[in-house]
Amino acid sequence: MKTRTAIVSDFYNQVKNEDTRLIRSRHGQLEHAVTMNYIHRYAAPGARVLEVGAGTGRYSIALAKEGMEVTALELVESNLEVLRQNGRGIDRLTACQGDAVDLSRFADETFDVTLVLGPLYHLYDAQDVHKAIDEAIRVTKKGGVLLFAFLSVFGIMYSNYLTGNWAAGQEENFTADYGFRHFKEQLFTGYDIVEFENLFEGKPVQWITTTGTDGILESVEDRPDFKITDEDFPAFVDWYLAFSEKRELLGATNHLLYICRRL
């Protein structure tokens, strides 16, 4: 039986265009623009930033170029190779391999801002989920801010299972009585919004907000009549940011951020 690490690594080793995920589509571009907007609200130039699950480094490299001291931790070796290649020559960037559930190489209260922008898509066991959250909190300074990305189970359904395969998606993501399923072979696991927020109950953090980052774009972008021009896109981003935290819209978005402050 494959381990979680092997399953995740095998998937990303087969994905040849992961480095362009956030630039090749409008929903990826929106996710990147919104996430960067929220990062900039809390991470000033010179801030010490940890990105856990940095992928190929789109965020880490950009933030290091802006003058932040960035440590990028990535589980998958093929992603890390791209990150190191793309980040070559950037003095403020340190890249290393590691797992979100074990940040023991970092001392308590080391970072001003901690970004966990991917690992919780691929953590299924409740113990691992809480370990990743607790470790991220531990290494963040008191008063520092943490951003956790997660997936809406409803966004997953809308984006991936309206092409004649709804029953398969429903079986994979829901129990017979419509509870939410989390298991490692699922690869990407989605949450109910309140279910995810409840993971932080009793932890030494103060909730700031929960926001969507890509709206419904992923579920509609394959329509033949879909079009957002380069001229319209900046206005669309500004419009989306004005409403991205509205509770009634959060379930429909695919990618979200839970943002909190370390107490």
Protein backbone atom coordinates (compact mmCIF):
# COMPACT_ATOMS: atom_id res chain seq x y z
CA MET A 1 0.00 0.00 0.00
CA LYS A 2 1.43 3.39 -1.02
CA THR A 3 2.11 6.04 1.57
CA ARG A 4 0.63 9.51 1.36
CA THR A 5 4.04 10.87 0.39
CA ALA A 6 4.40 8.37 -2.44
CA ILE A 7 0.90 9.07 -3.78
CA VAL A 8 1.43 12.84 -3.77
CA SER A 9 4.94 12.58 -5.23
CA ASP A 10 3.81 10.22 -7.99
CA PHE A 11 1.06 12.64 -8.97
CA TYR A 12 3.28 15.73 -9.18
CA ASN A 13 6.07 13.80 -10.87
CA GLN A 14 3.62 13.14 -13.73
CA VAL A 15 2.39 16.74 -13.91
CA LYS A 16 4.66 18.45 -16.41
CA ASN A 17 3.12 21.93 -16.23
CA GLU A 18 2.73 22.50 -12.49
CA ASP A 19 4.97 25.56 -12.72
CA THR A 20 2.43 27.29 -15.00
CA ARG A 21 -0.70 26.37 -13.01
CA LEU A 22 -1.13 29.90 -11.67
CA ILE A 23 -0.55 31.69 -14.98
CA ARG A 24 -2.00 29.56 -17.79
CA SER A 25 -5.71 29.98 -16.93
CA ARG A 26 -7.91 32.77 -15.70
CA HIS A 27 -8.86 30.85 -12.56
CA GLY A 28 -5.17 30.27 -11.81
CA GLN A 29 -4.36 33.91 -12.44
CA LEU A 30 -7.20 34.98 -10.13
CA GLU A 31 -6.06 32.59 -7.39
CA HIS A 32 -2.53 33.99 -7.63
CA ALA A 33 -3.63 37.63 -7.67
CA VAL A 34 -5.98 37.24 -4.71
CA THR A 35 -3.51 35.21 -2.66
CA MET A 36 -0.74 37.74 -3.27
CA ASN A 37 -3.12 40.55 -2.29
CA TYR A 38 -3.78 38.90 1.08
CA ILE A 39 -0.11 38.06 1.64
CA HIS A 40 0.79 41.71 1.07
CA ARG A 41 -1.69 42.77 3.74
CA TYR A 42 0.40 41.02 6.39
CA ALA A 43 3.93 40.54 5.04
CA ALA A 44 6.04 43.69 4.81
CA PRO A 45 9.38 44.00 2.98
CA GLY A 46 12.03 42.35 5.14
CA ALA A 47 9.55 40.00 6.82
CA ARG A 48 10.68 36.46 7.57
CA VAL A 49 8.33 34.20 5.62
CA LEU A 50 7.97 30.42 5.61
CA GLU A 51 6.09 28.78 2.78
CA VAL A 52 5.19 25.18 3.57
CA GLY A 53 4.39 23.22 0.44
CA ALA A 54 5.96 25.79 -1.86
CA GLY A 55 5.50 23.78 -5.04
CA THR A 56 7.62 25.22 -7.83
CA GLY A 57 8.00 28.51 -5.96
CA ARG A 58 5.63 30.96 -7.62
CA TYR A 59 4.88 32.71 -4.31
CA SER A 60 8.23 32.21 -2.58
CA ILE A 61 10.27 33.54 -5.49
CA ALA A 62 8.04 36.58 -5.95
CA LEU A 63 8.16 37.44 -2.24
CA ALA A 64 11.94 37.01 -2.06
CA LYS A 65 12.33 39.34 -5.04
CA GLU A 66 10.27 41.89 -3.10
CA GLY A 67 12.81 41.86 -0.27
CA MET A 68 11.33 39.31 2.13
CA GLU A 69 13.49 36.62 3.75
CA VAL A 70 11.78 33.49 2.41
CA THR A 71 12.24 29.86 3.36
CA ALA A 72 10.47 27.54 0.91
CA LEU A 73 9.77 23.98 2.06
CA GLU A 74 8.55 21.47 -0.52
CA LEU A 75 7.80 17.75 -0.22
CA VAL A 76 8.04 16.68 -3.88
CA GLU A 77 11.56 16.49 -5.29
CA SER A 78 10.53 17.29 -8.88
CA ASN A 79 8.79 20.48 -7.72
CA LEU A 80 11.77 21.39 -5.58
CA GLU A 81 14.13 21.02 -8.52
CA VAL A 82 12.08 23.55 -10.50
CA LEU A 83 11.92 25.88 -7.51
CA ARG A 84 15.68 25.82 -7.09
CA GLN A 85 16.23 26.38 -10.81
CA ASN A 86 13.79 29.29 -10.98
CA GLY A 87 15.13 30.78 -7.76
CA ARG A 88 18.81 30.59 -8.68
CA GLY A 89 20.68 33.73 -7.73
CA ILE A 90 18.01 35.10 -5.37
CA ASP A 91 19.87 35.74 -2.13
CA ARG A 92 16.82 36.03 0.12
CA LEU A 93 15.42 32.62 -0.87
CA THR A 94 16.26 29.34 0.88
CA ALA A 95 14.73 26.15 -0.54
CA CYS A 96 14.64 22.79 1.23
CA GLN A 97 12.78 19.49 1.16
CA GLY A 98 10.40 18.58 3.95
CA ASP A 99 6.91 17.61 5.05
CA ALA A 100 4.29 19.90 6.55
CA VAL A 101 3.74 17.51 9.45
CA ASP A 102 7.36 17.88 10.64
CA LEU A 103 8.86 21.37 10.89
CA SER A 104 11.29 20.33 13.62
CA ARG A 105 14.21 21.93 11.75
CA PHE A 106 12.70 25.33 12.64
CA ALA A 107 12.72 26.82 16.12
CA ASP A 108 9.62 28.10 17.87
CA GLU A 109 8.45 31.58 16.85
CA THR A 110 10.84 31.98 13.93
CA PHE A 111 8.68 33.51 11.17
CA ASP A 112 6.60 36.67 10.85
CA VAL A 113 4.29 35.07 8.27
CA THR A 114 3.70 31.38 7.57
CA LEU A 115 2.06 30.24 4.34
CA VAL A 116 0.59 26.75 4.07
CA LEU A 117 -0.71 26.98 0.52
CA GLY A 118 -0.96 23.36 -0.58
CA PRO A 119 -0.30 20.65 2.00
CA LEU A 120 -3.84 20.58 3.38
CA TYR A 121 -5.11 19.56 -0.05
CA HIS A 122 -3.26 16.28 0.48
CA LEU A 123 -3.58 15.55 4.21
CA TYR A 124 -6.38 13.18 5.15
CA ASP A 125 -5.67 11.61 8.51
CA ALA A 126 -6.97 13.90 11.29
CA GLN A 127 -3.76 13.49 13.27
CA ASP A 128 -1.66 14.64 10.31
CA VAL A 129 -3.98 17.56 9.61
CA HIS A 130 -3.71 18.83 13.18
CA LYS A 131 0.04 18.19 13.26
CA ALA A 132 0.55 20.34 10.16
CA ILE A 133 -1.58 23.13 11.62
CA ASP A 134 0.10 22.94 15.02
CA GLU A 135 3.60 22.93 13.52
CA ALA A 136 2.84 25.99 11.39
CA ILE A 137 1.51 27.81 14.45
CA ARG A 138 4.51 26.79 16.55
CA VAL A 139 7.10 28.26 14.18
CA THR A 140 5.20 31.54 13.75
CA LYS A 141 6.00 34.47 16.01
CA LYS A 142 3.36 35.67 18.45
CA GLY A 143 1.43 38.32 16.61
CA GLY A 144 2.46 36.80 13.30
CA VAL A 145 -0.04 35.78 10.63
CA LEU A 146 -0.72 32.39 9.04
CA LEU A 147 -2.49 31.70 5.75
CA PHE A 148 -3.81 28.18 5.18
CA ALA A 149 -5.11 27.23 1.73
CA PHE A 150 -7.83 24.60 1.50
CA LEU A 151 -10.34 23.26 -1.02
CA SER A 152 -14.12 23.45 -0.87
CA VAL A 153 -15.65 20.03 -1.39
CA PHE A 154 -18.50 21.75 -3.22
CA GLY A 155 -16.06 23.62 -5.44
CA ILE A 156 -14.41 20.29 -6.26
CA MET A 157 -17.77 18.85 -7.26
CA TYR A 158 -18.72 21.84 -9.44
CA SER A 159 -15.31 22.00 -11.12
CA ASN A 160 -14.72 18.30 -11.78
CA TYR A 161 -17.96 16.33 -11.78
CA LEU A 162 -20.45 18.06 -14.07
CA THR A 163 -19.25 16.26 -17.18
CA GLY A 164 -21.21 13.04 -16.88
CA ASN A 165 -19.34 11.67 -13.87
CA TRP A 166 -21.31 13.17 -10.97
CA ALA A 167 -22.12 9.84 -9.27
CA ALA A 168 -18.42 8.89 -9.13
CA GLY A 169 -17.49 12.25 -7.62
CA GLN A 170 -20.28 12.05 -5.10
CA GLU A 171 -19.18 8.59 -4.00
CA GLU A 172 -15.58 9.75 -3.67
CA ASN A 173 -16.28 12.90 -1.67
CA PHE A 174 -19.39 12.09 0.38
CA THR A 175 -20.65 9.27 2.54
CA ALA A 176 -24.05 7.71 1.88
CA ASP A 177 -25.64 10.15 4.34
CA TYR A 178 -23.75 13.14 2.82
CA GLY A 179 -20.95 13.38 5.35
CA PHE A 180 -17.54 14.50 4.08
CA ARG A 181 -14.90 11.93 3.17
CA HIS A 182 -11.12 12.33 3.60
CA PHE A 183 -8.77 9.50 2.57
CA LYS A 184 -5.30 9.44 1.02
CA GLU A 185 -6.24 7.77 -2.28
CA GLN A 186 -8.54 10.74 -2.87
CA LEU A 187 -5.39 12.79 -3.66
CA PHE A 188 -7.22 16.13 -3.34
CA THR A 189 -9.53 16.39 -0.34
CA GLY A 190 -12.18 19.07 0.09
CA TYR A 191 -13.88 20.57 3.15
CA ASP A 192 -17.10 22.17 4.15
CA ILE A 193 -16.17 25.75 5.15
CA VAL A 194 -17.28 25.45 8.77
CA GLU A 195 -15.72 21.99 9.02
CA PHE A 196 -12.34 23.48 8.10
CA GLU A 197 -12.68 26.48 10.40
CA ASN A 198 -13.52 24.16 13.29
CA LEU A 199 -10.08 22.54 12.94
CA PHE A 200 -8.65 25.61 14.69
CA GLU A 201 -10.85 25.47 17.78
CA GLY A 202 -8.72 25.54 20.93
CA LYS A 203 -5.53 26.45 19.08
CA PRO A 204 -3.51 29.58 20.01
CA VAL A 205 -4.72 31.67 17.08
CA GLN A 206 -7.28 34.38 16.41
CA TRP A 207 -9.32 34.03 13.23
CA ILE A 208 -9.00 37.01 10.89
CA THR A 209 -11.02 35.91 7.88
CA THR A 210 -11.86 33.13 5.46
CA THR A 211 -11.79 34.12 1.80
CA GLY A 212 -12.19 32.55 -1.59
CA THR A 213 -9.39 32.93 -4.11
CA ASP A 214 -10.78 31.77 -7.47
CA GLY A 215 -14.57 31.98 -7.30
CA ILE A 216 -16.49 29.86 -9.79
CA LEU A 217 -14.02 30.39 -12.63
CA GLU A 218 -12.62 26.86 -12.69
CA SER A 219 -16.09 25.39 -13.08
CA VAL A 220 -17.04 27.69 -16.00
CA GLU A 221 -13.76 28.32 -17.81
CA ASP A 222 -14.18 25.33 -20.15
CA ARG A 223 -17.39 26.78 -21.60
CA PRO A 224 -16.86 27.69 -25.27
CA ASP A 225 -18.30 31.16 -24.69
CA PHE A 226 -16.13 31.94 -21.63
CA LYS A 227 -13.92 35.00 -22.08
CA ILE A 228 -12.26 37.55 -19.83
CA THR A 229 -10.07 39.85 -21.88
CA ASP A 230 -6.73 41.22 -20.73
CA GLU A 231 -8.40 44.62 -20.51
CA ASP A 232 -11.21 43.28 -18.31
CA PHE A 233 -9.15 41.05 -16.05
CA PRO A 234 -7.76 43.72 -13.65
CA ALA A 235 -11.28 45.04 -13.10
CA PHE A 236 -12.52 41.51 -12.52
CA VAL A 237 -9.82 40.93 -9.89
CA ASP A 238 -10.75 44.14 -8.08
CA TRP A 239 -14.43 43.20 -8.20
CA TYR A 240 -13.74 39.70 -6.90
CA LEU A 241 -11.62 41.02 -4.03
CA ALA A 242 -14.52 43.25 -2.96
CA PHE A 243 -16.71 40.17 -2.43
CA SER A 244 -14.25 37.31 -1.85
CA GLU A 245 -15.04 37.03 1.88
CA LYS A 246 -18.83 36.91 1.53
CA ARG A 247 -19.97 33.82 3.40
CA GLU A 248 -22.72 32.96 0.94
CA LEU A 249 -20.16 32.63 -1.87
CA LEU A 250 -17.44 30.61 -0.16
CA GLY A 251 -18.77 27.11 -0.80
CA ALA A 252 -18.83 27.60 -4.57
CA THR A 253 -15.20 28.68 -4.86
CA ASN A 254 -12.63 25.94 -5.33
CA HIS A 255 -9.60 27.35 -3.48
CA LEU A 256 -9.84 29.28 -0.21
CA LEU A 257 -7.67 30.84 2.48
CA TYR A 258 -8.15 30.59 6.24
CA ILE A 259 -6.21 33.49 7.76
CA CYS A 260 -5.39 33.81 11.46
CA ARG A 261 -3.03 35.54 13.88
CA ARG A 262 -0.77 33.70 16.33
CA LEU A 263 -1.62 34.53 19.94
